[in-house]
C-alpha atoms as a PDB file:
ATOM      1  CA  MET A   1    -119.452  62.287 144.143  1.00  0.00           C
ATOM      2  CA  ARG A   2    -116.773  64.370 142.581  1.00  0.00           C
ATOM      3  CA  SER A   3    -115.283  65.100 146.004  1.00  0.00           C
ATOM      4  CA  SER A   4    -115.150  61.391 146.863  1.00  0.00           C
ATOM      5  CA  LEU A   5    -113.430  60.572 143.587  1.00  0.00           C
ATOM      6  CA  PHE A   6    -110.896  63.345 144.213  1.00  0.00           C
ATOM      7  CA  LYS A   7    -110.190  61.976 147.728  1.00  0.00           C
ATOM      8  CA  ILE A   8    -109.713  58.446 146.384  1.00  0.00           C
ATOM      9  CA  LEU A   9    -107.389  59.619 143.607  1.00  0.00           C
ATOM     10  CA  SER A  10    -105.468  61.842 146.015  1.00  0.00           C
ATOM     11  CA  GLY A  11    -105.077  59.003 148.495  1.00  0.00           C
ATOM     12  CA  THR A  12    -103.905  56.681 145.747  1.00  0.00           C
ATOM     13  CA  ALA A  13    -101.379  59.247 144.519  1.00  0.00           C
ATOM     14  CA  VAL A  14    -100.009  59.711 148.030  1.00  0.00           C
ATOM     15  CA  ALA A  15     -99.756  55.943 148.519  1.00  0.00           C
ATOM     16  CA  LEU A  16     -97.927  55.543 145.202  1.00  0.00           C
ATOM     17  CA  ALA A  17     -95.570  58.386 146.058  1.00  0.00           C
ATOM     18  CA  LEU A  18     -94.764  56.800 149.422  1.00  0.00           C
ATOM     19  CA  MET A  19     -94.143  53.423 147.812  1.00  0.00           C
ATOM     20  CA  ALA A  20     -91.934  54.972 145.158  1.00  0.00           C
ATOM     21  CA  SER A  21     -89.922  56.948 147.685  1.00  0.00           C
ATOM     22  CA  SER A  22     -89.383  53.922 149.894  1.00  0.00           C
ATOM     23  CA  GLY A  23     -88.342  51.960 146.820  1.00  0.00           C
ATOM     24  CA  CYS A  24     -85.848  54.681 145.937  1.00  0.00           C
ATOM     25  CA  ALA A  25     -84.419  54.486 149.431  1.00  0.00           C
ATOM     26  CA  GLN A  26     -83.974  50.742 149.053  1.00  0.00           C
ATOM     27  CA  VAL A  27     -82.325  51.214 145.683  1.00  0.00           C
ATOM     28  CA  ALA A  28     -80.055  53.867 147.172  1.00  0.00           C
ATOM     29  CA  ASP A  29     -79.157  51.588 150.100  1.00  0.00           C
ATOM     30  CA  THR A  30     -78.407  48.736 147.719  1.00  0.00           C
ATOM     31  CA  ALA A  31     -76.246  51.020 145.596  1.00  0.00           C
ATOM     32  CA  LYS A  32     -74.367  52.243 148.679  1.00  0.00           C
ATOM     33  CA  GLN A  33     -73.772  48.663 149.818  1.00  0.00           C
ATOM     34  CA  ALA A  34     -72.533  47.676 146.359  1.00  0.00           C
ATOM     35  CA  ALA A  35     -70.212  50.682 146.221  1.00  0.00           C
ATOM     36  CA  SER A  36     -68.899  49.938 149.701  1.00  0.00           C
ATOM     37  CA  SER A  37     -68.297  46.318 148.782  1.00  0.00           C
ATOM     38  CA  ALA A  38     -66.504  47.320 145.590  1.00  0.00           C
ATOM     39  CA  ALA A  39     -64.349  49.801 147.501  1.00  0.00           C
ATOM     40  CA  SER A  40     -63.455  47.111 150.039  1.00  0.00           C
ATOM     41  CA  GLN A  41     -62.491  44.726 147.254  1.00  0.00           C
ATOM     42  CA  VAL A  42     -60.339  47.381 145.598  1.00  0.00           C
ATOM     43  CA  ALA A  43     -58.633  48.155 148.908  1.00  0.00           C
ATOM     44  CA  GLU A  44     -57.988  44.466 149.561  1.00  0.00           C
ATOM     45  CA  THR A  45     -56.564  44.019 146.071  1.00  0.00           C
ATOM     46  CA  ALA A  46     -54.307  47.038 146.618  1.00  0.00           C
ATOM     47  CA  ARG A  47     -53.061  45.562 149.910  1.00  0.00           C
ATOM     48  CA  THR A  48     -52.433  42.184 148.276  1.00  0.00           C
ATOM     49  CA  GLU A  49     -50.507  43.733 145.396  1.00  0.00           C
ATOM     50  CA  ALA A  50     -48.501  45.920 147.786  1.00  0.00           C
ATOM     51  CA  VAL A  51     -47.516  42.854 149.829  1.00  0.00           C
ATOM     52  CA  LYS A  52     -46.465  41.036 146.648  1.00  0.00           C
ATOM     53  CA  ALA A  53     -44.323  43.984 145.522  1.00  0.00           C
ATOM     54  CA  ILE A  54     -42.731  44.453 148.947  1.00  0.00           C
ATOM     55  CA  CYS A  55     -42.094  40.773 149.577  1.00  0.00           C
ATOM     56  CA  ALA A  56     -40.661  39.873 146.171  1.00  0.00           C
ATOM     57  CA  PRO A  57     -37.130  41.186 146.926  1.00  0.00           C
ATOM     58  CA  VAL A  58     -36.881  39.458 150.326  1.00  0.00           C
ATOM     59  CA  ARG A  59     -38.054  35.988 149.280  1.00  0.00           C
ATOM     60  CA  ASP A  60     -34.569  34.591 148.736  1.00  0.00           C
ATOM     61  CA  GLY A  61     -33.251  35.986 152.035  1.00  0.00           C
ATOM     62  CA  LYS A  62     -30.546  38.040 150.342  1.00  0.00           C
ATOM     63  CA  LEU A  63     -30.851  41.712 149.516  1.00  0.00           C
ATOM     64  CA  ASN A  64     -28.580  43.475 147.081  1.00  0.00           C
ATOM     65  CA  ALA A  65     -28.188  47.256 146.887  1.00  0.00           C
ATOM     66  CA  ALA A  66     -30.838  47.619 144.169  1.00  0.00           C
ATOM     67  CA  GLU A  67     -33.373  45.655 146.233  1.00  0.00           C
ATOM     68  CA  VAL A  68     -32.661  47.695 149.360  1.00  0.00           C
ATOM     69  CA  LYS A  69     -33.149  50.890 147.358  1.00  0.00           C
ATOM     70  CA  LYS A  70     -36.408  49.521 145.961  1.00  0.00           C
ATOM     71  CA  LEU A  71     -37.645  48.582 149.437  1.00  0.00           C
ATOM     72  CA  SER A  72     -36.748  52.071 150.690  1.00  0.00           C
ATOM     73  CA  GLY A  73     -39.217  53.485 148.190  1.00  0.00           C
ATOM     74  CA  PHE A  74     -42.090  51.227 149.271  1.00  0.00           C
ATOM     75  CA  MET A  75     -42.865  53.110 152.482  1.00  0.00           C
ATOM     76  CA  ASP A  76     -45.540  55.294 150.861  1.00  0.00           C
ATOM     77  CA  LEU A  77     -47.041  52.285 149.085  1.00  0.00           C
ATOM     78  CA  ALA A  78     -47.312  50.404 152.367  1.00  0.00           C
ATOM     79  CA  GLU A  79     -48.946  53.315 154.175  1.00  0.00           C
ATOM     80  CA  GLN A  80     -51.354  54.128 151.328  1.00  0.00           C
ATOM     81  CA  SER A  81     -52.351  50.478 151.078  1.00  0.00           C
ATOM     82  CA  GLY A  82     -53.092  50.335 154.791  1.00  0.00           C
ATOM     83  CA  LEU A  83     -50.505  47.679 155.572  1.00  0.00           C
ATOM     84  CA  PRO A  84     -49.899  47.001 159.264  1.00  0.00           C
ATOM     85  CA  ARG A  85     -46.897  48.157 161.268  1.00  0.00           C
ATOM     86  CA  GLU A  86     -45.166  44.824 160.771  1.00  0.00           C
ATOM     87  CA  PHE A  87     -44.552  46.100 157.220  1.00  0.00           C
ATOM     88  CA  THR A  88     -44.262  49.837 157.709  1.00  0.00           C
ATOM     89  CA  THR A  89     -41.768  49.691 160.594  1.00  0.00           C
ATOM     90  CA  PRO A  90     -39.069  47.726 158.727  1.00  0.00           C
ATOM     91  CA  LEU A  91     -39.729  49.673 155.526  1.00  0.00           C
ATOM     92  CA  ARG A  92     -39.208  52.919 157.398  1.00  0.00           C
ATOM     93  CA  ALA A  93     -35.927  51.494 158.721  1.00  0.00           C
ATOM     94  CA  PHE A  94     -34.919  50.663 155.129  1.00  0.00           C
ATOM     95  CA  ALA A  95     -35.741  54.210 154.065  1.00  0.00           C
ATOM     96  CA  ASP A  96     -33.883  55.746 157.018  1.00  0.00           C
ATOM     97  CA  SER A  97     -30.765  53.591 156.945  1.00  0.00           C
ATOM     98  CA  GLY A  98     -30.032  53.416 153.247  1.00  0.00           C
ATOM     99  CA  LEU A  99     -27.853  50.579 152.059  1.00  0.00           C
ATOM    100  CA  GLU A 100     -26.662  49.635 155.552  1.00  0.00           C
ATOM    101  CA  THR A 101     -29.912  48.102 156.754  1.00  0.00           C
ATOM    102  CA  PRO A 102     -29.426  45.890 159.808  1.00  0.00           C
ATOM    103  CA  LYS A 103     -30.068  42.162 159.403  1.00  0.00           C
ATOM    104  CA  ASP A 104     -32.750  42.199 162.098  1.00  0.00           C
ATOM    105  CA  VAL A 105     -34.768  44.694 160.023  1.00  0.00           C
ATOM    106  CA  GLN A 106     -34.473  42.426 157.021  1.00  0.00           C
ATOM    107  CA  GLN A 107     -35.629  39.523 159.179  1.00  0.00           C
ATOM    108  CA  GLN A 108     -38.623  41.544 160.454  1.00  0.00           C
ATOM    109  CA  LEU A 109     -39.730  42.192 156.893  1.00  0.00           C
ATOM    110  CA  MET A 110     -39.204  38.569 155.902  1.00  0.00           C
ATOM    111  CA  THR A 111     -41.338  37.493 158.868  1.00  0.00           C
ATOM    112  CA  ALA A 112     -44.083  39.966 157.901  1.00  0.00           C
ATOM    113  CA  CYS A 113     -44.036  38.578 154.366  1.00  0.00           C
ATOM    114  CA  ASP A 114     -44.164  34.992 155.601  1.00  0.00           C
ATOM    115  CA  ASN A 115     -47.095  35.808 157.892  1.00  0.00           C
ATOM    116  CA  ALA A 116     -48.959  37.612 155.117  1.00  0.00           C
ATOM    117  CA  THR A 117     -48.802  34.642 152.777  1.00  0.00           C
ATOM    118  CA  LYS A 118     -50.028  32.039 155.282  1.00  0.00           C
END
C-alpha cells in the first residue's frame, strides 16, 4: 500500500513539474515576444524621429550654411537609426562636400523626405 501511494505521489509530482516547466516556457516565450515587440517599436520611433530631424531643414527647399552643417552631422544618426540609402547617400554627400553641396544632392534628400512622409 505504501509503495502504491509513493508511486501515485511521485507520478503526480512529475506531472506537476512538467506542467510548471511548460508554463515557464510559455511565459518566457511571451516575455521574449513582448521584448521583441517593444524593441521594434523603439526602433521605429527612432527612425521616425531621425527622419523628422533630417527633413526639417530641407522642407522649405532652401538650405543655408547652418542647415547644411547640421545635415552634415546627421550621417551617424541616419545609419544608427537604420534609415535607407535614399537618406544616407545624400547625407554622406553633405558631410563630404561641406557648404558646397550640389543641388541634385539637396533634391535627393528632399525626395527621400517627401517619400518618407507619404
